[in-house]
């Protein structure tokens, strides 16, 4: 991890609570100005105020990742308020609720999860790319999960890290990993570094706070990837211990 240049601006989606909030706090502690992307006005403002009280240069970004107009408006707001964007952390995600056995799931649940966890990432990334292309050291971090690893899902000895059967949530992270690689392929030869991050099993409302890691611990890998040096890796999937198999 290296300190970013003075004036570096980041956007974190789903940043009003949990891992997203801690990613914003971690980036702010390094001196970045951080846009707090969230669709809930009250929670977003509360997060901004809390971060500012801790010394973070934070500003609110109204953002519903499932809405084209919202993503476009968010990009314009960042342009107007900050004049630049150097780091995008696509963190916003939903679980879709459990159980998610493939034989019993409502297909609408799968569509809803993919709309947020995958299409939302595409929507926001594309809205922010014109700003990111102007940055000297642009970084994109897509928050994935080890449950999205097909290597681990297909290994009967990896049940603990493969997670429960979840035909909406787990494949949405596999889909996100594949989308990440497609961006890497298209943007190869540019200075944009794009990686996927696994925060581990973090206690958040997404899993009913059953995780054994803290949101701050889960945020660490995203902060690291968001502040990679210019010769850092791209097109890889990381957790705290190193590379995660796709």
Protein backbone atom coordinates (compact mmCIF):
# COMPACT_ATOMS: atom_id res chain seq x y z
CA UNK A 1 0.00 0.00 0.00
CA UNK A 2 1.22 3.48 -0.86
CA UNK A 3 -0.20 6.88 0.10
CA UNK A 4 -2.11 8.51 -2.73
CA UNK A 5 -1.38 11.99 -3.97
CA UNK A 6 -2.93 14.93 -2.17
CA UNK A 7 -6.43 15.57 -3.47
CA UNK A 8 -7.09 11.95 -4.43
CA UNK A 9 -10.83 11.25 -4.53
CA UNK A 10 -12.58 7.93 -3.98
CA UNK A 11 -16.17 6.74 -4.28
CA UNK A 12 -17.34 3.80 -2.19
CA UNK A 13 -20.79 2.40 -2.96
CA UNK A 14 -22.92 1.06 -0.13
CA UNK A 15 -20.74 3.07 2.25
CA UNK A 16 -23.25 4.10 4.88
CA UNK A 17 -22.61 1.03 7.05
CA UNK A 18 -20.67 -2.20 7.49
CA UNK A 19 -17.71 -2.99 5.26
CA UNK A 20 -18.40 -0.07 2.96
CA UNK A 21 -18.28 2.40 5.81
CA UNK A 22 -14.98 0.96 7.04
CA UNK A 23 -13.51 1.09 3.53
CA UNK A 24 -14.41 4.78 3.42
CA UNK A 25 -12.92 5.29 6.89
CA UNK A 26 -9.73 3.47 5.91
CA UNK A 27 -9.28 5.47 2.73
CA UNK A 28 -10.07 8.68 4.58
CA UNK A 29 -7.44 7.88 7.19
CA UNK A 30 -4.90 7.77 4.36
CA UNK A 31 -5.86 11.27 3.33
CA UNK A 32 -8.25 10.55 0.49
CA UNK A 33 -11.40 12.56 -0.01
CA UNK A 34 -14.21 10.02 0.04
CA UNK A 35 -17.64 10.05 -1.56
CA UNK A 36 -20.13 8.07 0.51
CA UNK A 37 -22.39 6.38 -1.99
CA UNK A 38 -25.73 5.24 -0.56
CA UNK A 39 -29.40 5.43 -1.51
CA UNK A 40 -30.80 6.06 2.00
CA UNK A 41 -30.57 9.80 2.64
CA UNK A 42 -30.66 9.61 6.41
CA UNK A 43 -28.09 6.83 6.75
CA UNK A 44 -25.81 8.42 4.18
CA UNK A 45 -25.82 11.76 5.98
CA UNK A 46 -25.24 10.09 9.35
CA UNK A 47 -22.24 8.24 7.93
CA UNK A 48 -20.81 11.43 6.44
CA UNK A 49 -21.18 13.26 9.73
CA UNK A 50 -19.57 10.42 11.68
CA UNK A 51 -16.64 10.24 9.26
CA UNK A 52 -16.14 13.98 9.32
CA UNK A 53 -16.12 13.91 13.12
CA UNK A 54 -13.28 11.39 12.84
CA UNK A 55 -11.32 13.73 10.57
CA UNK A 56 -12.23 12.20 7.20
CA UNK A 57 -12.89 14.51 4.25
CA UNK A 58 -16.19 12.85 3.34
CA UNK A 59 -19.12 13.96 1.21
CA UNK A 60 -22.42 12.32 0.44
CA UNK A 61 -23.26 10.85 -2.97
CA UNK A 62 -26.92 9.84 -3.42
CA UNK A 63 -26.67 6.60 -5.36
CA UNK A 64 -29.00 3.73 -6.18
CA UNK A 65 -26.85 1.28 -8.13
CA UNK A 66 -29.96 -0.23 -9.77
CA UNK A 67 -30.92 3.05 -11.45
CA UNK A 68 -29.25 4.49 -14.56
CA UNK A 69 -30.25 8.08 -13.82
CA UNK A 70 -28.97 7.82 -10.26
CA UNK A 71 -25.56 6.59 -11.41
CA UNK A 72 -25.30 9.36 -13.99
CA UNK A 73 -26.32 11.97 -11.40
CA UNK A 74 -23.72 10.60 -8.98
CA UNK A 75 -20.98 11.00 -11.57
CA UNK A 76 -22.06 14.57 -12.23
CA UNK A 77 -22.13 15.35 -8.51
CA UNK A 78 -18.58 14.05 -8.09
CA UNK A 79 -17.48 16.12 -11.09
CA UNK A 80 -19.11 19.22 -9.60
CA UNK A 81 -17.96 18.75 -6.00
CA UNK A 82 -14.54 17.16 -6.44
CA UNK A 83 -13.59 17.68 -10.07
CA UNK A 84 -12.03 14.24 -10.29
CA UNK A 85 -12.28 10.57 -9.34
CA UNK A 86 -9.28 8.32 -8.76
CA UNK A 87 -10.68 5.31 -6.91
CA UNK A 88 -13.95 3.40 -7.29
CA UNK A 89 -14.86 0.69 -4.81
CA UNK A 90 -17.95 -1.22 -5.91
CA UNK A 91 -19.12 -2.48 -2.54
CA UNK A 92 -22.92 -2.26 -2.61
CA UNK A 93 -24.50 -5.72 -2.55
CA UNK A 94 -27.48 -7.68 -1.25
CA UNK A 95 -27.82 -11.32 -0.22
CA UNK A 96 -31.37 -11.89 -1.41
CA UNK A 97 -32.29 -13.69 1.81
CA UNK A 98 -32.07 -17.34 2.63
CA UNK A 99 -32.67 -20.20 1.95
CA UNK A 100 -31.56 -20.20 -1.69
CA UNK A 101 -31.70 -23.85 -2.67
CA UNK A 102 -31.73 -24.00 -6.47
CA UNK A 103 -34.72 -26.36 -6.51
CA UNK A 104 -36.88 -24.02 -4.45
CA UNK A 105 -35.73 -20.48 -5.15
CA UNK A 106 -38.00 -17.92 -6.75
CA UNK A 107 -36.27 -16.87 -9.99
CA UNK A 108 -37.18 -13.28 -9.14
CA UNK A 109 -34.78 -13.49 -6.20
CA UNK A 110 -31.92 -14.37 -8.53
CA UNK A 111 -32.79 -11.48 -10.84
CA UNK A 112 -32.94 -9.02 -7.95
CA UNK A 113 -29.56 -10.08 -6.55
CA UNK A 114 -27.87 -9.97 -9.95
CA UNK A 115 -29.37 -6.54 -10.65
CA UNK A 116 -27.60 -5.10 -7.60
CA UNK A 117 -24.48 -7.24 -7.30
CA UNK A 118 -23.53 -7.44 -10.97
CA UNK A 119 -25.47 -5.08 -13.21
CA UNK A 120 -25.17 -2.39 -10.55
CA UNK A 121 -21.39 -2.69 -10.72
CA UNK A 122 -21.44 -2.39 -14.51
CA UNK A 123 -23.79 0.59 -14.32
CA UNK A 124 -21.73 2.50 -11.77
CA UNK A 125 -18.37 1.62 -13.30
CA UNK A 126 -19.45 2.83 -16.73
CA UNK A 127 -20.84 6.04 -15.26
CA UNK A 128 -17.57 6.72 -13.44
CA UNK A 129 -15.11 5.65 -16.16
CA UNK A 130 -14.93 9.07 -17.89
CA UNK A 131 -13.72 10.54 -14.59
CA UNK A 132 -11.40 7.64 -13.82
CA UNK A 133 -9.77 7.84 -17.25
CA UNK A 134 -8.61 11.36 -16.40
CA UNK A 135 -6.83 10.17 -13.24
CA UNK A 136 -3.09 9.62 -13.13
CA UNK A 137 -3.51 6.45 -11.04
CA UNK A 138 -7.06 5.10 -11.33
CA UNK A 139 -8.11 2.07 -9.30
CA UNK A 140 -11.26 -0.05 -9.39
CA UNK A 141 -11.98 -2.57 -6.64
CA UNK A 142 -14.95 -4.91 -6.94
CA UNK A 143 -15.99 -6.42 -3.62
CA UNK A 144 -16.49 -10.11 -4.29
CA UNK A 145 -16.48 -13.10 -1.94
CA UNK A 146 -14.79 -16.46 -1.63
CA UNK A 147 -18.22 -18.01 -2.24
CA UNK A 148 -17.88 -16.76 -5.81
CA UNK A 149 -14.84 -18.93 -6.42
CA UNK A 150 -15.80 -21.83 -8.70
CA UNK A 151 -12.64 -23.61 -7.58
CA UNK A 152 -13.87 -23.59 -4.00
CA UNK A 153 -17.51 -24.25 -4.84
CA UNK A 154 -16.53 -27.39 -6.71
CA UNK A 155 -14.24 -28.70 -3.97
CA UNK A 156 -16.10 -30.96 -1.50
CA UNK A 157 -13.30 -30.41 1.02
CA UNK A 158 -13.82 -26.63 0.94
CA UNK A 159 -17.41 -26.58 2.25
CA UNK A 160 -16.58 -24.21 5.07
CA UNK A 161 -15.27 -21.46 2.82
CA UNK A 162 -17.71 -22.28 0.00
CA UNK A 163 -20.55 -21.18 2.25
CA UNK A 164 -24.13 -22.46 2.22
CA UNK A 165 -25.97 -23.41 -0.95
CA UNK A 166 -27.04 -20.02 -2.31
CA UNK A 167 -28.12 -20.04 -5.95
CA UNK A 168 -28.60 -16.27 -6.07
CA UNK A 169 -25.83 -14.78 -3.93
CA UNK A 170 -22.87 -17.10 -4.62
CA UNK A 171 -23.29 -17.14 -8.42
CA UNK A 172 -23.74 -13.37 -8.39
CA UNK A 173 -20.20 -13.10 -7.03
CA UNK A 174 -18.95 -15.60 -9.63
CA UNK A 175 -20.64 -13.45 -12.27
CA UNK A 176 -19.00 -10.36 -10.76
CA UNK A 177 -15.59 -12.02 -10.94
CA UNK A 178 -16.16 -12.80 -14.62
CA UNK A 179 -17.29 -9.22 -15.28
CA UNK A 180 -14.18 -7.94 -13.53
CA UNK A 181 -12.00 -9.91 -15.91
CA UNK A 182 -13.87 -8.58 -18.93
CA UNK A 183 -13.15 -5.01 -17.80
CA UNK A 184 -9.51 -5.98 -17.34
CA UNK A 185 -9.39 -7.33 -20.88
CA UNK A 186 -11.03 -4.27 -22.43
CA UNK A 187 -8.94 -1.79 -20.46
CA UNK A 188 -5.63 -3.62 -20.82
CA UNK A 189 -2.98 -1.14 -21.88
CA UNK A 190 -4.51 1.69 -19.85
CA UNK A 191 -3.33 2.78 -16.41
CA UNK A 192 -6.50 1.51 -14.68
CA UNK A 193 -5.81 -1.27 -12.18
CA UNK A 194 -8.87 -3.46 -11.58
CA UNK A 195 -9.07 -6.21 -8.99
CA UNK A 196 -11.63 -8.21 -7.03
CA UNK A 197 -11.50 -8.41 -3.24
CA UNK A 198 -12.80 -10.93 -0.72
CA UNK A 199 -13.37 -9.43 2.74
CA UNK A 200 -13.81 -12.79 4.48
CA UNK A 201 -16.75 -13.79 6.66
CA UNK A 202 -17.58 -10.43 8.20
CA UNK A 203 -20.32 -9.80 10.75
CA UNK A 204 -22.76 -7.55 8.87
CA UNK A 205 -26.51 -7.35 8.43
CA UNK A 206 -26.08 -9.16 5.10
CA UNK A 207 -25.42 -12.40 7.01
CA UNK A 208 -27.35 -11.62 10.19
CA UNK A 209 -24.07 -10.67 11.92
CA UNK A 210 -22.95 -14.30 12.01
CA UNK A 211 -19.50 -13.56 10.62
CA UNK A 212 -16.40 -13.82 12.79
CA UNK A 213 -14.47 -10.90 11.25
CA UNK A 214 -15.08 -7.24 11.95
CA UNK A 215 -16.08 -4.81 9.19
CA UNK A 216 -12.74 -3.05 9.70
CA UNK A 217 -10.89 -6.33 9.09
CA UNK A 218 -13.00 -6.99 6.02
CA UNK A 219 -12.29 -3.54 4.63
CA UNK A 220 -8.51 -3.88 4.82
CA UNK A 221 -8.06 -5.74 1.53
CA UNK A 222 -10.16 -3.17 -0.36
CA UNK A 223 -8.15 -0.29 1.08
CA UNK A 224 -4.95 -2.05 0.03
CA UNK A 225 -6.14 -2.66 -3.53
CA UNK A 226 -7.53 0.87 -3.82
CA UNK A 227 -4.11 2.33 -3.05
CA UNK A 228 -1.87 0.03 -5.08
CA UNK A 229 1.29 1.51 -6.61
CA UNK A 230 1.28 2.09 -10.35
CA UNK A 231 3.14 -1.18 -10.93
CA UNK A 232 0.67 -3.13 -8.79
CA UNK A 233 -1.31 -6.14 -9.96
CA UNK A 234 -4.45 -6.02 -12.05
CA UNK A 235 -6.97 -8.67 -12.99
CA UNK A 236 -6.61 -10.71 -9.82
CA UNK A 237 -8.77 -11.82 -6.90
CA UNK A 238 -7.37 -11.22 -3.42
CA UNK A 239 -8.11 -11.70 0.24
CA UNK A 240 -5.91 -10.90 3.23
CA UNK A 241 -3.81 -14.00 2.69
CA UNK A 242 -3.09 -13.45 -0.98
CA UNK A 243 -4.57 -14.58 -4.28
CA UNK A 244 -7.96 -16.35 -4.23
CA UNK A 245 -8.54 -18.95 -6.99
CA UNK A 246 -11.19 -17.87 -9.46
